[in-house]
Amino acid sequence: MFFRNLTLFRFPTSTKLDDLDAGLQECALKPVGALELSSRGFVSPIGRDGEELSQRQGDAIWLTVGGEDRLLPGAVVNDMLARKLEEIEQTEGRKPGGRTRKRLKDELITELMPRAFIKPSRTDALLDLEHGILVVDSSSRKSAENVASEIRRALGSFPAMPLNPEIAPRSILTGWVAGEPLPEGLGIGDECELRDPAEHGAVVKVQRMDLDNDEIAKHLETGKQVTRLALTLDDHVSFVLGEDLIVRKFKLLDGAVDQLESTDHDDVRAEMEARFALMSGEVKRLFAVLQSAFKLSAAD
């Protein structure tokens, strides 16, 4: 269990989480109803064999929002609707009006939903109580905000807000590629995206290339700015950081994973807990670097 993307939110460290476990139980995932398109709620991070809806390692809490979605393709509904409308036109000699079309479509959806396949999903999240950060394993801001909303539903109140940098991230990223000193421990990788700041300006995406070269320098000279940049943190983590401060392609490197392999785990549960402890420690370390580099404001 390792997160692959990190969308971060800040919340006050004074936020009360005493009733978290009870709230999670009240908001546990319920099977999607026969006439429902989707259902959301908390599930055990450990998987189907787990009973607890949260796992805690020190001041880090691991939560998982599960989902069930009925797959009802619009093309199937529209095809069946077209057949019914054609039958009515042939039988009655008239084309059904808009109200009839809507009623027939609603009836078809009601008829088909109980037979639709159900697709399960899960989104993991980390609550760091020490620093007041919520980390969601998603590169989609909307999906991450949905997880924050589920936590808010469980607690009644959860003032989580997106990161608020005092300095424009693209100016910092551009400066690093241009040769400005990086924070201690950070190194530049082999991937970046450069954009012309003008509306509808050129976009250049570079992968598997040494970024300290004349081609990149010329792009910077013409005014392009770095909006995504591959970075490493010591020999433990590699990732791609965007100007939206979403961390993508998050990966623990051998320097970190070696710590896990050097420990002895008797079962799958113990190994997953060890993986979470390792990952949460690396995420906290990364956040501390980002907080300093981008002057991230604390939540009120």
C-alpha atoms as a PDB file:
ATOM      1  CA  MET A   1       0.000   0.000   0.000  1.00  0.00           C
ATOM      2  CA  PHE A   2       1.739   3.154  -1.221  1.00  0.00           C
ATOM      3  CA  PHE A   3       0.012   6.338  -2.387  1.00  0.00           C
ATOM      4  CA  ARG A   4       0.700   7.227  -6.011  1.00  0.00           C
ATOM      5  CA  ASN A   5      -0.572  10.830  -5.979  1.00  0.00           C
ATOM      6  CA  LEU A   6      -0.817  13.376  -3.193  1.00  0.00           C
ATOM      7  CA  THR A   7      -3.421  16.123  -3.047  1.00  0.00           C
ATOM      8  CA  LEU A   8      -2.914  18.026   0.184  1.00  0.00           C
ATOM      9  CA  PHE A   9      -5.166  20.110   2.407  1.00  0.00           C
ATOM     10  CA  ARG A  10      -4.445  21.992   5.644  1.00  0.00           C
ATOM     11  CA  PHE A  11      -6.620  21.863   8.733  1.00  0.00           C
ATOM     12  CA  PRO A  12      -6.085  23.412  12.181  1.00  0.00           C
ATOM     13  CA  THR A  13      -4.064  21.178  14.496  1.00  0.00           C
ATOM     14  CA  SER A  14      -6.624  22.067  17.165  1.00  0.00           C
ATOM     15  CA  THR A  15      -9.350  20.189  15.255  1.00  0.00           C
ATOM     16  CA  LYS A  16     -11.066  17.716  17.583  1.00  0.00           C
ATOM     17  CA  LEU A  17     -11.053  14.150  16.300  1.00  0.00           C
ATOM     18  CA  ASP A  18     -12.249  12.442  19.485  1.00  0.00           C
ATOM     19  CA  ASP A  19     -15.445  11.239  17.823  1.00  0.00           C
ATOM     20  CA  LEU A  20     -13.773  10.128  14.603  1.00  0.00           C
ATOM     21  CA  ASP A  21     -14.259   6.376  15.062  1.00  0.00           C
ATOM     22  CA  ALA A  22     -17.944   6.759  15.918  1.00  0.00           C
ATOM     23  CA  GLY A  23     -18.439   9.068  12.965  1.00  0.00           C
ATOM     24  CA  LEU A  24     -16.752   6.632  10.614  1.00  0.00           C
ATOM     25  CA  GLN A  25     -19.095   3.872  11.751  1.00  0.00           C
ATOM     26  CA  GLU A  26     -22.140   6.062  11.104  1.00  0.00           C
ATOM     27  CA  CYS A  27     -20.798   6.894   7.637  1.00  0.00           C
ATOM     28  CA  ALA A  28     -19.619   3.406   6.704  1.00  0.00           C
ATOM     29  CA  LEU A  29     -20.180   2.353   3.096  1.00  0.00           C
ATOM     30  CA  LYS A  30     -23.612   0.871   2.496  1.00  0.00           C
ATOM     31  CA  PRO A  31     -24.329  -1.342  -0.521  1.00  0.00           C
ATOM     32  CA  VAL A  32     -25.694   0.679  -3.414  1.00  0.00           C
ATOM     33  CA  GLY A  33     -29.479   0.402  -3.518  1.00  0.00           C
ATOM     34  CA  ALA A  34     -31.377  -1.190  -6.379  1.00  0.00           C
ATOM     35  CA  LEU A  35     -32.492   2.233  -7.608  1.00  0.00           C
ATOM     36  CA  GLU A  36     -29.327   4.159  -6.728  1.00  0.00           C
ATOM     37  CA  LEU A  37     -26.525   5.029  -9.127  1.00  0.00           C
ATOM     38  CA  SER A  38     -23.823   5.253  -6.464  1.00  0.00           C
ATOM     39  CA  SER A  39     -22.974   4.941  -2.794  1.00  0.00           C
ATOM     40  CA  ARG A  40     -20.054   6.341  -0.769  1.00  0.00           C
ATOM     41  CA  GLY A  41     -18.773   5.677   2.726  1.00  0.00           C
ATOM     42  CA  PHE A  42     -15.805   4.508   4.772  1.00  0.00           C
ATOM     43  CA  VAL A  43     -14.338   1.016   4.501  1.00  0.00           C
ATOM     44  CA  SER A  44     -11.472  -0.693   6.292  1.00  0.00           C
ATOM     45  CA  PRO A  45      -8.093   0.451   4.939  1.00  0.00           C
ATOM     46  CA  ILE A  46      -6.783  -3.079   5.469  1.00  0.00           C
ATOM     47  CA  GLY A  47      -9.310  -4.541   3.054  1.00  0.00           C
ATOM     48  CA  ARG A  48     -12.228  -6.916   3.296  1.00  0.00           C
ATOM     49  CA  ASP A  49     -10.688  -8.820   6.183  1.00  0.00           C
ATOM     50  CA  GLY A  50     -10.359  -5.685   8.306  1.00  0.00           C
ATOM     51  CA  GLU A  51     -12.995  -4.517  10.766  1.00  0.00           C
ATOM     52  CA  GLU A  52     -11.648  -1.139  11.890  1.00  0.00           C
ATOM     53  CA  LEU A  53     -12.453   1.813   9.660  1.00  0.00           C
ATOM     54  CA  SER A  54      -9.186   3.545  10.502  1.00  0.00           C
ATOM     55  CA  GLN A  55      -5.587   2.585  11.182  1.00  0.00           C
ATOM     56  CA  ARG A  56      -3.362   4.737  13.374  1.00  0.00           C
ATOM     57  CA  GLN A  57       0.411   4.881  13.517  1.00  0.00           C
ATOM     58  CA  GLY A  58       1.471   7.506  16.031  1.00  0.00           C
ATOM     59  CA  ASP A  59      -0.031  10.812  14.915  1.00  0.00           C
ATOM     60  CA  ALA A  60      -0.906   9.496  11.430  1.00  0.00           C
ATOM     61  CA  ILE A  61      -4.367   8.095  10.659  1.00  0.00           C
ATOM     62  CA  TRP A  62      -5.122   6.027   7.572  1.00  0.00           C
ATOM     63  CA  LEU A  63      -8.682   6.290   6.217  1.00  0.00           C
ATOM     64  CA  THR A  64     -10.299   4.839   3.108  1.00  0.00           C
ATOM     65  CA  VAL A  65     -13.421   6.054   1.333  1.00  0.00           C
ATOM     66  CA  GLY A  66     -15.076   3.237  -0.588  1.00  0.00           C
ATOM     67  CA  GLY A  67     -17.588   3.515  -3.382  1.00  0.00           C
ATOM     68  CA  GLU A  68     -20.011   1.459  -5.407  1.00  0.00           C
ATOM     69  CA  ASP A  69     -21.189   2.735  -8.787  1.00  0.00           C
ATOM     70  CA  ARG A  70     -23.762   1.135 -11.069  1.00  0.00           C
ATOM     71  CA  LEU A  71     -22.542   0.991 -14.650  1.00  0.00           C
ATOM     72  CA  LEU A  72     -25.418   2.068 -16.850  1.00  0.00           C
ATOM     73  CA  PRO A  73     -23.992   3.264 -20.180  1.00  0.00           C
ATOM     74  CA  GLY A  74     -25.930   6.094 -21.756  1.00  0.00           C
ATOM     75  CA  ALA A  75     -25.600   4.460 -25.159  1.00  0.00           C
ATOM     76  CA  VAL A  76     -27.558   1.412 -23.924  1.00  0.00           C
ATOM     77  CA  VAL A  77     -30.340   3.567 -22.489  1.00  0.00           C
ATOM     78  CA  ASN A  78     -30.546   5.705 -25.637  1.00  0.00           C
ATOM     79  CA  ASP A  79     -30.665   2.658 -27.908  1.00  0.00           C
ATOM     80  CA  MET A  80     -33.535   1.087 -25.962  1.00  0.00           C
ATOM     81  CA  LEU A  81     -35.327   4.445 -25.837  1.00  0.00           C
ATOM     82  CA  ALA A  82     -35.045   4.819 -29.610  1.00  0.00           C
ATOM     83  CA  ARG A  83     -36.601   1.369 -30.080  1.00  0.00           C
ATOM     84  CA  LYS A  84     -39.535   2.204 -27.808  1.00  0.00           C
ATOM     85  CA  LEU A  85     -40.131   5.544 -29.527  1.00  0.00           C
ATOM     86  CA  GLU A  86     -40.093   3.819 -32.901  1.00  0.00           C
ATOM     87  CA  GLU A  87     -42.661   1.271 -31.702  1.00  0.00           C
ATOM     88  CA  ILE A  88     -44.961   4.039 -30.449  1.00  0.00           C
ATOM     89  CA  GLU A  89     -44.633   5.931 -33.737  1.00  0.00           C
ATOM     90  CA  GLN A  90     -45.483   2.832 -35.780  1.00  0.00           C
ATOM     91  CA  THR A  91     -48.390   1.837 -33.515  1.00  0.00           C
ATOM     92  CA  GLU A  92     -49.969   5.243 -32.959  1.00  0.00           C
ATOM     93  CA  GLY A  93     -48.838   7.018 -36.119  1.00  0.00           C
ATOM     94  CA  ARG A  94     -47.308   9.962 -34.250  1.00  0.00           C
ATOM     95  CA  LYS A  95     -43.966  10.987 -32.844  1.00  0.00           C
ATOM     96  CA  PRO A  96     -43.928  11.087 -29.000  1.00  0.00           C
ATOM     97  CA  GLY A  97     -43.402  14.530 -27.499  1.00  0.00           C
ATOM     98  CA  GLY A  98     -40.723  15.663 -25.071  1.00  0.00           C
ATOM     99  CA  ARG A  99     -42.640  14.714 -21.916  1.00  0.00           C
ATOM    100  CA  THR A 100     -43.264  11.209 -23.217  1.00  0.00           C
ATOM    101  CA  ARG A 101     -39.611  10.794 -24.129  1.00  0.00           C
ATOM    102  CA  LYS A 102     -38.522  11.868 -20.631  1.00  0.00           C
ATOM    103  CA  ARG A 103     -41.045   9.563 -18.937  1.00  0.00           C
ATOM    104  CA  LEU A 104     -39.979   6.589 -21.049  1.00  0.00           C
ATOM    105  CA  LYS A 105     -36.302   7.273 -20.372  1.00  0.00           C
ATOM    106  CA  ASP A 106     -36.903   7.452 -16.609  1.00  0.00           C
ATOM    107  CA  GLU A 107     -38.838   4.188 -16.769  1.00  0.00           C
ATOM    108  CA  LEU A 108     -36.016   2.507 -18.672  1.00  0.00           C
ATOM    109  CA  ILE A 109     -33.420   3.646 -16.168  1.00  0.00           C
ATOM    110  CA  THR A 110     -35.565   2.364 -13.292  1.00  0.00           C
ATOM    111  CA  GLU A 111     -35.958  -0.964 -15.097  1.00  0.00           C
ATOM    112  CA  LEU A 112     -32.268  -1.367 -15.968  1.00  0.00           C
ATOM    113  CA  MET A 113     -30.567  -0.186 -12.763  1.00  0.00           C
ATOM    114  CA  PRO A 114     -31.177  -3.320 -10.653  1.00  0.00           C
ATOM    115  CA  ARG A 115     -29.506  -5.354 -13.397  1.00  0.00           C
ATOM    116  CA  ALA A 116     -26.531  -3.035 -13.927  1.00  0.00           C
ATOM    117  CA  PHE A 117     -23.045  -4.147 -12.947  1.00  0.00           C
ATOM    118  CA  ILE A 118     -21.580  -2.605  -9.795  1.00  0.00           C
ATOM    119  CA  LYS A 119     -18.059  -1.184  -9.900  1.00  0.00           C
ATOM    120  CA  PRO A 120     -16.262  -0.900  -6.536  1.00  0.00           C
ATOM    121  CA  SER A 121     -13.675   1.793  -5.830  1.00  0.00           C
ATOM    122  CA  ARG A 122     -11.521   3.065  -2.988  1.00  0.00           C
ATOM    123  CA  THR A 123      -9.567   6.231  -2.264  1.00  0.00           C
ATOM    124  CA  ASP A 124      -7.027   6.261   0.552  1.00  0.00           C
ATOM    125  CA  ALA A 125      -6.246   9.243   2.733  1.00  0.00           C
ATOM    126  CA  LEU A 126      -3.767  10.185   5.442  1.00  0.00           C
ATOM    127  CA  LEU A 127      -4.507  12.505   8.352  1.00  0.00           C
ATOM    128  CA  ASP A 128      -1.327  13.956   9.848  1.00  0.00           C
ATOM    129  CA  LEU A 129      -2.406  15.296  13.228  1.00  0.00           C
ATOM    130  CA  GLU A 130       0.973  16.840  14.048  1.00  0.00           C
ATOM    131  CA  HIS A 131       1.126  19.136  11.009  1.00  0.00           C
ATOM    132  CA  GLY A 132      -2.610  19.436  10.334  1.00  0.00           C
ATOM    133  CA  ILE A 133      -2.559  18.029   6.814  1.00  0.00           C
ATOM    134  CA  LEU A 134      -4.928  15.778   4.925  1.00  0.00           C
ATOM    135  CA  VAL A 135      -3.277  13.839   2.104  1.00  0.00           C
ATOM    136  CA  VAL A 136      -5.532  12.126  -0.454  1.00  0.00           C
ATOM    137  CA  ASP A 137      -4.251   9.516  -2.893  1.00  0.00           C
ATOM    138  CA  SER A 138      -5.635  11.231  -5.987  1.00  0.00           C
ATOM    139  CA  SER A 139      -4.425  13.683  -8.621  1.00  0.00           C
ATOM    140  CA  SER A 140      -8.001  14.922  -9.097  1.00  0.00           C
ATOM    141  CA  ARG A 141      -8.870  17.937  -6.972  1.00  0.00           C
ATOM    142  CA  LYS A 142     -12.547  17.056  -7.194  1.00  0.00           C
ATOM    143  CA  SER A 143     -12.028  13.479  -5.997  1.00  0.00           C
ATOM    144  CA  ALA A 144      -9.819  14.697  -3.159  1.00  0.00           C
ATOM    145  CA  GLU A 145     -12.417  17.267  -2.100  1.00  0.00           C
ATOM    146  CA  ASN A 146     -15.024  14.492  -2.084  1.00  0.00           C
ATOM    147  CA  VAL A 147     -12.884  12.599   0.439  1.00  0.00           C
ATOM    148  CA  ALA A 148     -12.605  15.737   2.577  1.00  0.00           C
ATOM    149  CA  SER A 149     -16.396  16.069   2.385  1.00  0.00           C
ATOM    150  CA  GLU A 150     -16.837  12.480   3.603  1.00  0.00           C
ATOM    151  CA  ILE A 151     -14.573  13.195   6.585  1.00  0.00           C
ATOM    152  CA  ARG A 152     -16.571  16.364   7.236  1.00  0.00           C
ATOM    153  CA  ARG A 153     -19.771  14.300   7.141  1.00  0.00           C
ATOM    154  CA  ALA A 154     -18.330  11.875   9.688  1.00  0.00           C
ATOM    155  CA  LEU A 155     -17.090  14.589  12.062  1.00  0.00           C
ATOM    156  CA  GLY A 156     -19.848  17.132  11.561  1.00  0.00           C
ATOM    157  CA  SER A 157     -17.178  19.774  10.950  1.00  0.00           C
ATOM    158  CA  PHE A 158     -13.769  19.536   9.281  1.00  0.00           C
ATOM    159  CA  PRO A 159     -12.243  22.851   8.129  1.00  0.00           C
ATOM    160  CA  ALA A 160      -9.840  21.446   5.523  1.00  0.00           C
ATOM    161  CA  MET A 161      -8.596  23.934   2.933  1.00  0.00           C
ATOM    162  CA  PRO A 162      -6.320  23.616  -0.127  1.00  0.00           C
ATOM    163  CA  LEU A 163      -2.682  24.626   0.266  1.00  0.00           C
ATOM    164  CA  ASN A 164      -2.158  28.387   0.234  1.00  0.00           C
ATOM    165  CA  PRO A 165       1.363  29.314  -0.960  1.00  0.00           C
ATOM    166  CA  GLU A 166       2.637  32.840  -0.413  1.00  0.00           C
ATOM    167  CA  ILE A 167       4.843  32.559  -3.521  1.00  0.00           C
ATOM    168  CA  ALA A 168       3.606  31.554  -6.988  1.00  0.00           C
ATOM    169  CA  PRO A 169       4.690  27.911  -7.389  1.00  0.00           C
ATOM    170  CA  ARG A 170       5.590  28.243 -11.077  1.00  0.00           C
ATOM    171  CA  SER A 171       8.084  30.992 -10.250  1.00  0.00           C
ATOM    172  CA  ILE A 172       9.795  28.731  -7.724  1.00  0.00           C
ATOM    173  CA  LEU A 173       9.835  25.751 -10.119  1.00  0.00           C
ATOM    174  CA  THR A 174      11.168  27.928 -12.942  1.00  0.00           C
ATOM    175  CA  GLY A 175      13.898  29.282 -10.699  1.00  0.00           C
ATOM    176  CA  TRP A 176      15.041  25.795  -9.761  1.00  0.00           C
ATOM    177  CA  VAL A 177      15.369  24.739 -13.400  1.00  0.00           C
ATOM    178  CA  ALA A 178      17.152  28.011 -14.170  1.00  0.00           C
ATOM    179  CA  GLY A 179      19.819  27.178 -11.608  1.00  0.00           C
ATOM    180  CA  GLU A 180      18.629  28.691  -8.343  1.00  0.00           C
ATOM    181  CA  PRO A 181      19.537  26.676  -5.227  1.00  0.00           C
ATOM    182  CA  LEU A 182      17.093  23.942  -4.250  1.00  0.00           C
ATOM    183  CA  PRO A 183      16.092  23.198  -0.663  1.00  0.00           C
ATOM    184  CA  GLU A 184      18.395  20.741   1.070  1.00  0.00           C
ATOM    185  CA  GLY A 185      17.676  17.168  -0.003  1.00  0.00           C
ATOM    186  CA  LEU A 186      15.808  18.053  -3.214  1.00  0.00           C
ATOM    187  CA  GLY A 187      17.194  17.165  -6.627  1.00  0.00           C
ATOM    188  CA  ILE A 188      15.872  17.780 -10.149  1.00  0.00           C
ATOM    189  CA  GLY A 189      14.695  14.748 -12.127  1.00  0.00           C
ATOM    190  CA  ASP A 190      14.363  14.162 -15.859  1.00  0.00           C
ATOM    191  CA  GLU A 191      10.867  15.489 -16.595  1.00  0.00           C
ATOM    192  CA  CYS A 192       9.261  18.917 -16.813  1.00  0.00           C
ATOM    193  CA  GLU A 193       6.513  20.904 -18.498  1.00  0.00           C
ATOM    194  CA  LEU A 194       7.070  24.467 -19.684  1.00  0.00           C
ATOM    195  CA  ARG A 195       4.326  26.883 -20.713  1.00  0.00           C
ATOM    196  CA  ASP A 196       4.250  30.236 -22.388  1.00  0.00           C
ATOM    197  CA  PRO A 197       2.419  32.560 -19.947  1.00  0.00           C
ATOM    198  CA  ALA A 198       0.423  34.087 -22.820  1.00  0.00           C
ATOM    199  CA  GLU A 199      -3.113  32.784 -23.282  1.00  0.00           C
ATOM    200  CA  HIS A 200      -3.104  29.761 -25.617  1.00  0.00           C
ATOM    201  CA  GLY A 201       0.694  29.918 -25.582  1.00  0.00           C
ATOM    202  CA  ALA A 202       3.017  27.049 -26.451  1.00  0.00           C
ATOM    203  CA  VAL A 203       3.416  24.065 -24.143  1.00  0.00           C
ATOM    204  CA  VAL A 204       6.596  21.976 -24.099  1.00  0.00           C
ATOM    205  CA  LYS A 205       6.717  18.606 -22.333  1.00  0.00           C
ATOM    206  CA  VAL A 206      10.084  16.990 -21.709  1.00  0.00           C
ATOM    207  CA  GLN A 207      10.672  13.456 -20.418  1.00  0.00           C
ATOM    208  CA  ARG A 208      13.767  11.334 -19.825  1.00  0.00           C
ATOM    209  CA  MET A 209      16.111  14.247 -20.462  1.00  0.00           C
ATOM    210  CA  ASP A 210      18.780  16.032 -18.464  1.00  0.00           C
ATOM    211  CA  LEU A 211      17.131  19.401 -17.800  1.00  0.00           C
ATOM    212  CA  ASP A 212      20.449  21.224 -17.474  1.00  0.00           C
ATOM    213  CA  ASN A 213      20.943  21.768 -21.207  1.00  0.00           C
ATOM    214  CA  ASP A 214      20.849  24.484 -23.854  1.00  0.00           C
ATOM    215  CA  GLU A 215      17.404  23.492 -25.180  1.00  0.00           C
ATOM    216  CA  ILE A 216      15.740  24.032 -21.811  1.00  0.00           C
ATOM    217  CA  ALA A 217      17.722  27.232 -21.279  1.00  0.00           C
ATOM    218  CA  LYS A 218      16.435  28.634 -24.597  1.00  0.00           C
ATOM    219  CA  HIS A 219      12.832  27.900 -23.598  1.00  0.00           C
ATOM    220  CA  LEU A 220      13.394  29.805 -20.357  1.00  0.00           C
ATOM    221  CA  GLU A 221      14.991  32.705 -22.252  1.00  0.00           C
ATOM    222  CA  THR A 222      11.867  33.048 -24.416  1.00  0.00           C
ATOM    223  CA  GLY A 223       9.764  33.465 -21.268  1.00  0.00           C
ATOM    224  CA  LYS A 224       8.371  29.986 -20.794  1.00  0.00           C
ATOM    225  CA  GLN A 225       7.722  28.991 -17.192  1.00  0.00           C
ATOM    226  CA  VAL A 226       7.939  25.595 -15.523  1.00  0.00           C
ATOM    227  CA  THR A 227       4.527  24.278 -14.483  1.00  0.00           C
ATOM    228  CA  ARG A 228       5.521  20.688 -13.659  1.00  0.00           C
ATOM    229  CA  LEU A 229       8.858  19.353 -12.510  1.00  0.00           C
ATOM    230  CA  ALA A 230      10.203  15.920 -11.584  1.00  0.00           C
ATOM    231  CA  LEU A 231      12.069  15.967  -8.285  1.00  0.00           C
ATOM    232  CA  THR A 232      13.702  13.597  -5.822  1.00  0.00           C
ATOM    233  CA  LEU A 233      14.022  13.905  -2.071  1.00  0.00           C
ATOM    234  CA  ASP A 234      17.355  12.412  -0.990  1.00  0.00           C
ATOM    235  CA  ASP A 235      17.397   8.813  -2.207  1.00  0.00           C
ATOM    236  CA  HIS A 236      13.986   8.049  -0.725  1.00  0.00           C
ATOM    237  CA  VAL A 237      11.273   9.587  -2.899  1.00  0.00           C
ATOM    238  CA  SER A 238      10.730  10.622  -6.501  1.00  0.00           C
ATOM    239  CA  PHE A 239       7.713  12.616  -7.697  1.00  0.00           C
ATOM    240  CA  VAL A 240       6.412  15.211 -10.155  1.00  0.00           C
ATOM    241  CA  LEU A 241       5.307  18.490  -8.589  1.00  0.00           C
ATOM    242  CA  GLY A 242       2.817  20.719 -10.408  1.00  0.00           C
ATOM    243  CA  GLU A 243       2.126  24.411 -10.019  1.00  0.00           C
ATOM    244  CA  ASP A 244      -1.141  23.319  -8.385  1.00  0.00           C
ATOM    245  CA  LEU A 245       1.091  21.718  -5.695  1.00  0.00           C
ATOM    246  CA  ILE A 246      -0.398  18.302  -6.434  1.00  0.00           C
ATOM    247  CA  VAL A 247       2.256  15.602  -6.185  1.00  0.00           C
ATOM    248  CA  ARG A 248       2.005  13.065  -9.011  1.00  0.00           C
ATOM    249  CA  LYS A 249       3.956   9.866  -9.712  1.00  0.00           C
ATOM    250  CA  PHE A 250       4.893   9.618  -6.046  1.00  0.00           C
ATOM    251  CA  LYS A 251       7.262   6.682  -5.613  1.00  0.00           C
ATOM    252  CA  LEU A 252       9.374   5.391  -2.754  1.00  0.00           C
ATOM    253  CA  LEU A 253      12.898   4.593  -3.930  1.00  0.00           C
ATOM    254  CA  ASP A 254      15.256   1.844  -2.821  1.00  0.00           C
ATOM    255  CA  GLY A 255      16.661   3.985  -0.035  1.00  0.00           C
ATOM    256  CA  ALA A 256      13.252   3.998   1.646  1.00  0.00           C
ATOM    257  CA  VAL A 257      11.995   0.551   0.637  1.00  0.00           C
ATOM    258  CA  ASP A 258      15.162  -1.065   1.980  1.00  0.00           C
ATOM    259  CA  GLN A 259      13.976  -0.086   5.450  1.00  0.00           C
ATOM    260  CA  LEU A 260      10.799  -2.079   4.897  1.00  0.00           C
ATOM    261  CA  GLU A 261      12.548  -5.148   3.541  1.00  0.00           C
ATOM    262  CA  SER A 262      14.910  -5.211   6.521  1.00  0.00           C
ATOM    263  CA  THR A 263      11.994  -5.759   8.919  1.00  0.00           C
ATOM    264  CA  ASP A 264      10.204  -9.033   9.574  1.00  0.00           C
ATOM    265  CA  HIS A 265       6.417  -9.240   9.054  1.00  0.00           C
ATOM    266  CA  ASP A 266       4.437 -12.361   9.852  1.00  0.00           C
ATOM    267  CA  ASP A 267       1.237 -11.506   7.990  1.00  0.00           C
ATOM    268  CA  VAL A 268      -0.282  -9.250   5.354  1.00  0.00           C
ATOM    269  CA  ARG A 269      -1.878  -6.923   7.906  1.00  0.00           C
ATOM    270  CA  ALA A 270       1.422  -6.290   9.679  1.00  0.00           C
ATOM    271  CA  GLU A 271       3.139  -5.614   6.356  1.00  0.00           C
ATOM    272  CA  MET A 272       0.447  -3.133   5.291  1.00  0.00           C
ATOM    273  CA  GLU A 273       0.721  -1.315   8.608  1.00  0.00           C
ATOM    274  CA  ALA A 274       4.506  -1.166   8.210  1.00  0.00           C
ATOM    275  CA  ARG A 275       4.122   0.189   4.669  1.00  0.00           C
ATOM    276  CA  PHE A 276       1.748   2.878   5.902  1.00  0.00           C
ATOM    277  CA  ALA A 277       4.119   3.876   8.695  1.00  0.00           C
ATOM    278  CA  LEU A 278       6.995   4.140   6.209  1.00  0.00           C
ATOM    279  CA  MET A 279       4.980   6.078   3.646  1.00  0.00           C
ATOM    280  CA  SER A 280       3.460   8.491   6.175  1.00  0.00           C
ATOM    281  CA  GLY A 281       6.939   9.315   7.459  1.00  0.00           C
ATOM    282  CA  GLU A 282       8.178  10.106   3.945  1.00  0.00           C
ATOM    283  CA  VAL A 283       5.080  12.193   3.182  1.00  0.00           C
ATOM    284  CA  LYS A 284       5.625  14.244   6.344  1.00  0.00           C
ATOM    285  CA  ARG A 285       9.248  14.818   5.380  1.00  0.00           C
ATOM    286  CA  LEU A 286       8.221  15.926   1.893  1.00  0.00           C
ATOM    287  CA  PHE A 287       5.552  18.256   3.258  1.00  0.00           C
ATOM    288  CA  ALA A 288       8.088  19.947   5.519  1.00  0.00           C
ATOM    289  CA  VAL A 289      10.241  20.717   2.453  1.00  0.00           C
ATOM    290  CA  LEU A 290       7.279  22.023   0.450  1.00  0.00           C
ATOM    291  CA  GLN A 291       6.062  24.119   3.366  1.00  0.00           C
ATOM    292  CA  SER A 292       9.411  25.860   3.635  1.00  0.00           C
ATOM    293  CA  ALA A 293       9.998  26.263  -0.116  1.00  0.00           C
ATOM    294  CA  PHE A 294       6.560  27.658  -0.987  1.00  0.00           C
ATOM    295  CA  LYS A 295       5.811  29.462   2.298  1.00  0.00           C
ATOM    296  CA  LEU A 296       2.610  27.506   2.887  1.00  0.00           C
ATOM    297  CA  SER A 297       0.243  29.249   5.260  1.00  0.00           C
ATOM    298  CA  ALA A 298      -1.040  27.321   8.247  1.00  0.00           C
ATOM    299  CA  ALA A 299      -4.799  26.749   8.578  1.00  0.00           C
ATOM    300  CA  ASP A 300      -6.511  29.129  10.991  1.00  0.00           C
END
